[in-house]
Amino acid sequence: SSGINAEYGGKFNVGVSATVKVTLKNGAYREDVGYGSVEGMKSKCQAVEKARKESITDGLKRAMKSFGNLLGNCLNDKEYMKYIARTGKRKAENYSVSSVMGDVSNLPSFSKAARHP
């Protein structure tokens, strides 16, 4: 949904909301609403397009955050980011699935052919 308000001088204010649904391959999904707004644009079409993109991006970020740390929610945690900055770079071979993803007991197992080097 959107609301358009024309100002004096032919400039437009636009507000758009978008409902975004993110579905994972395993069927789990999250849905959230994003909002985008633009003020003082000369072109009505550009104002609507920019506000629409902003609302979709906001909705996508909000839906992804509801999945938790596995999909990037930890990046907003200042303590976590300080910890990452202190640890520095590590070689890829030092990582294990459990150290990156935590408890993986509920995830499906993969065959050796499906693994990537």
C-alpha atoms as a PDB file:
ATOM      1  CA  SER A   1       0.000   0.000   0.000  1.00  0.00           C
ATOM      2  CA  SER A   2       1.166   3.528  -0.590  1.00  0.00           C
ATOM      3  CA  GLY A   3       0.272   7.120   0.139  1.00  0.00           C
ATOM      4  CA  ILE A   4       1.270  10.020  -2.114  1.00  0.00           C
ATOM      5  CA  ASN A   5       1.187  13.644  -1.063  1.00  0.00           C
ATOM      6  CA  ALA A   6       2.055  16.409  -3.568  1.00  0.00           C
ATOM      7  CA  GLU A   7       3.762  19.426  -2.017  1.00  0.00           C
ATOM      8  CA  TYR A   8       3.942  22.972  -3.338  1.00  0.00           C
ATOM      9  CA  GLY A   9       6.308  23.293  -6.260  1.00  0.00           C
ATOM     10  CA  GLY A  10       5.497  19.871  -7.657  1.00  0.00           C
ATOM     11  CA  LYS A  11       7.558  17.810  -5.172  1.00  0.00           C
ATOM     12  CA  PHE A  12       6.209  14.532  -3.876  1.00  0.00           C
ATOM     13  CA  ASN A  13       6.213  12.743  -0.530  1.00  0.00           C
ATOM     14  CA  VAL A  14       5.609   9.003  -0.775  1.00  0.00           C
ATOM     15  CA  GLY A  15       5.198   6.278   1.854  1.00  0.00           C
ATOM     16  CA  VAL A  16       5.002   2.595   0.893  1.00  0.00           C
ATOM     17  CA  SER A  17       4.560  -0.531   2.993  1.00  0.00           C
ATOM     18  CA  ALA A  18       5.393  -4.031   1.760  1.00  0.00           C
ATOM     19  CA  THR A  19       4.738  -7.457   3.250  1.00  0.00           C
ATOM     20  CA  VAL A  20       7.725  -9.745   2.671  1.00  0.00           C
ATOM     21  CA  LYS A  21       7.777 -13.520   3.186  1.00  0.00           C
ATOM     22  CA  VAL A  22      11.087 -15.416   3.316  1.00  0.00           C
ATOM     23  CA  THR A  23      10.818 -19.201   2.897  1.00  0.00           C
ATOM     24  CA  LEU A  24      13.741 -21.571   3.419  1.00  0.00           C
ATOM     25  CA  LYS A  25      14.209 -24.819   1.499  1.00  0.00           C
ATOM     26  CA  ASN A  26      13.080 -26.824   4.536  1.00  0.00           C
ATOM     27  CA  GLY A  27       9.713 -25.019   4.541  1.00  0.00           C
ATOM     28  CA  ALA A  28      10.356 -22.699   7.498  1.00  0.00           C
ATOM     29  CA  TYR A  29       9.234 -19.153   6.770  1.00  0.00           C
ATOM     30  CA  ARG A  30       9.049 -15.735   8.359  1.00  0.00           C
ATOM     31  CA  GLU A  31       6.929 -12.808   7.293  1.00  0.00           C
ATOM     32  CA  ASP A  32       7.268  -9.147   8.212  1.00  0.00           C
ATOM     33  CA  VAL A  33       6.220  -5.692   7.049  1.00  0.00           C
ATOM     34  CA  GLY A  34       8.684  -3.107   5.787  1.00  0.00           C
ATOM     35  CA  TYR A  35       8.160   0.607   5.289  1.00  0.00           C
ATOM     36  CA  GLY A  36       9.874   3.060   2.968  1.00  0.00           C
ATOM     37  CA  SER A  37       9.365   6.780   2.545  1.00  0.00           C
ATOM     38  CA  VAL A  38      10.687   9.521   0.282  1.00  0.00           C
ATOM     39  CA  GLU A  39      10.258  13.258   0.680  1.00  0.00           C
ATOM     40  CA  GLY A  40      10.616  16.128  -1.754  1.00  0.00           C
ATOM     41  CA  MET A  41      11.231  14.299  -5.039  1.00  0.00           C
ATOM     42  CA  LYS A  42      10.354  16.042  -8.277  1.00  0.00           C
ATOM     43  CA  SER A  43       9.220  12.921 -10.120  1.00  0.00           C
ATOM     44  CA  LYS A  44       6.195  11.006  -8.842  1.00  0.00           C
ATOM     45  CA  CYS A  45       7.349   7.822 -10.589  1.00  0.00           C
ATOM     46  CA  GLN A  46      10.873   7.961  -9.112  1.00  0.00           C
ATOM     47  CA  ALA A  47       9.492   8.720  -5.649  1.00  0.00           C
ATOM     48  CA  VAL A  48       7.174   5.695  -5.743  1.00  0.00           C
ATOM     49  CA  GLU A  49       9.919   3.410  -7.078  1.00  0.00           C
ATOM     50  CA  LYS A  50      12.483   4.503  -4.471  1.00  0.00           C
ATOM     51  CA  ALA A  51      10.000   4.170  -1.599  1.00  0.00           C
ATOM     52  CA  ARG A  52       8.911   0.749  -2.890  1.00  0.00           C
ATOM     53  CA  LYS A  53      12.497  -0.525  -3.013  1.00  0.00           C
ATOM     54  CA  GLU A  54      13.145   0.844   0.464  1.00  0.00           C
ATOM     55  CA  SER A  55      10.053  -0.873   1.895  1.00  0.00           C
ATOM     56  CA  ILE A  56      10.972  -4.233   0.348  1.00  0.00           C
ATOM     57  CA  THR A  57      14.550  -3.990   1.635  1.00  0.00           C
ATOM     58  CA  ASP A  58      13.298  -3.092   5.118  1.00  0.00           C
ATOM     59  CA  GLY A  59      10.787  -5.959   5.111  1.00  0.00           C
ATOM     60  CA  LEU A  60      13.422  -8.437   3.914  1.00  0.00           C
ATOM     61  CA  LYS A  61      15.881  -7.384   6.623  1.00  0.00           C
ATOM     62  CA  ARG A  62      13.198  -7.596   9.300  1.00  0.00           C
ATOM     63  CA  ALA A  63      12.059 -11.047   8.148  1.00  0.00           C
ATOM     64  CA  MET A  64      15.636 -12.367   7.977  1.00  0.00           C
ATOM     65  CA  LYS A  65      16.422 -11.053  11.458  1.00  0.00           C
ATOM     66  CA  SER A  66      13.584 -13.130  12.877  1.00  0.00           C
ATOM     67  CA  PHE A  67      15.471 -16.320  11.893  1.00  0.00           C
ATOM     68  CA  GLY A  68      18.132 -15.448  14.476  1.00  0.00           C
ATOM     69  CA  ASN A  69      21.924 -15.562  14.429  1.00  0.00           C
ATOM     70  CA  LEU A  70      22.229 -18.131  11.627  1.00  0.00           C
ATOM     71  CA  LEU A  71      21.116 -15.583   9.036  1.00  0.00           C
ATOM     72  CA  GLY A  72      23.025 -12.552  10.252  1.00  0.00           C
ATOM     73  CA  ASN A  73      21.081 -11.258  13.236  1.00  0.00           C
ATOM     74  CA  CYS A  74      24.309 -11.449  15.271  1.00  0.00           C
ATOM     75  CA  LEU A  75      25.791  -8.626  13.166  1.00  0.00           C
ATOM     76  CA  ASN A  76      23.716  -6.109  15.153  1.00  0.00           C
ATOM     77  CA  ASP A  77      25.199  -7.356  18.445  1.00  0.00           C
ATOM     78  CA  LYS A  78      27.992  -4.950  19.443  1.00  0.00           C
ATOM     79  CA  GLU A  79      29.583  -7.435  21.853  1.00  0.00           C
ATOM     80  CA  TYR A  80      29.692 -10.109  19.144  1.00  0.00           C
ATOM     81  CA  MET A  81      31.302  -7.697  16.687  1.00  0.00           C
ATOM     82  CA  LYS A  82      33.945  -6.718  19.293  1.00  0.00           C
ATOM     83  CA  TYR A  83      34.690 -10.409  19.804  1.00  0.00           C
ATOM     84  CA  ILE A  84      35.078 -10.953  16.060  1.00  0.00           C
ATOM     85  CA  ALA A  85      37.385  -7.942  15.775  1.00  0.00           C
ATOM     86  CA  ARG A  86      39.586  -9.299  18.608  1.00  0.00           C
ATOM     87  CA  THR A  87      39.882 -12.810  17.173  1.00  0.00           C
ATOM     88  CA  GLY A  88      41.335 -11.668  13.857  1.00  0.00           C
ATOM     89  CA  LYS A  89      41.593 -13.780  10.723  1.00  0.00           C
ATOM     90  CA  ARG A  90      41.703 -17.546  10.980  1.00  0.00           C
ATOM     91  CA  LYS A  91      42.420 -20.092   8.288  1.00  0.00           C
ATOM     92  CA  ALA A  92      39.378 -21.856   6.848  1.00  0.00           C
ATOM     93  CA  GLU A  93      40.584 -25.263   8.028  1.00  0.00           C
ATOM     94  CA  ASN A  94      40.264 -24.138  11.658  1.00  0.00           C
ATOM     95  CA  TYR A  95      36.487 -23.913  11.309  1.00  0.00           C
ATOM     96  CA  SER A  96      34.080 -26.747  11.916  1.00  0.00           C
ATOM     97  CA  VAL A  97      30.366 -26.901  11.200  1.00  0.00           C
ATOM     98  CA  SER A  98      29.537 -26.859  14.921  1.00  0.00           C
ATOM     99  CA  SER A  99      31.784 -23.831  15.586  1.00  0.00           C
ATOM    100  CA  VAL A 100      30.063 -21.838  12.856  1.00  0.00           C
ATOM    101  CA  MET A 101      26.459 -23.031  13.149  1.00  0.00           C
ATOM    102  CA  GLY A 102      26.204 -24.265  16.747  1.00  0.00           C
ATOM    103  CA  ASP A 103      23.944 -27.260  17.323  1.00  0.00           C
ATOM    104  CA  VAL A 104      23.466 -29.009  13.989  1.00  0.00           C
ATOM    105  CA  SER A 105      21.717 -32.139  15.248  1.00  0.00           C
ATOM    106  CA  ASN A 106      18.436 -31.112  13.563  1.00  0.00           C
ATOM    107  CA  LEU A 107      20.000 -30.492  10.157  1.00  0.00           C
ATOM    108  CA  PRO A 108      19.939 -33.159   7.430  1.00  0.00           C
ATOM    109  CA  SER A 109      23.204 -34.982   6.791  1.00  0.00           C
ATOM    110  CA  PHE A 110      24.915 -34.580   3.445  1.00  0.00           C
ATOM    111  CA  SER A 111      26.521 -37.292   1.374  1.00  0.00           C
ATOM    112  CA  LYS A 112      30.229 -37.082   0.563  1.00  0.00           C
ATOM    113  CA  ALA A 113      29.404 -36.348  -3.086  1.00  0.00           C
ATOM    114  CA  ALA A 114      27.374 -33.252  -2.102  1.00  0.00           C
ATOM    115  CA  ARG A 115      30.185 -31.699  -0.033  1.00  0.00           C
ATOM    116  CA  HIS A 116      32.368 -29.024  -1.547  1.00  0.00           C
ATOM    117  CA  PRO A 117      36.146 -28.892  -0.906  1.00  0.00           C
END
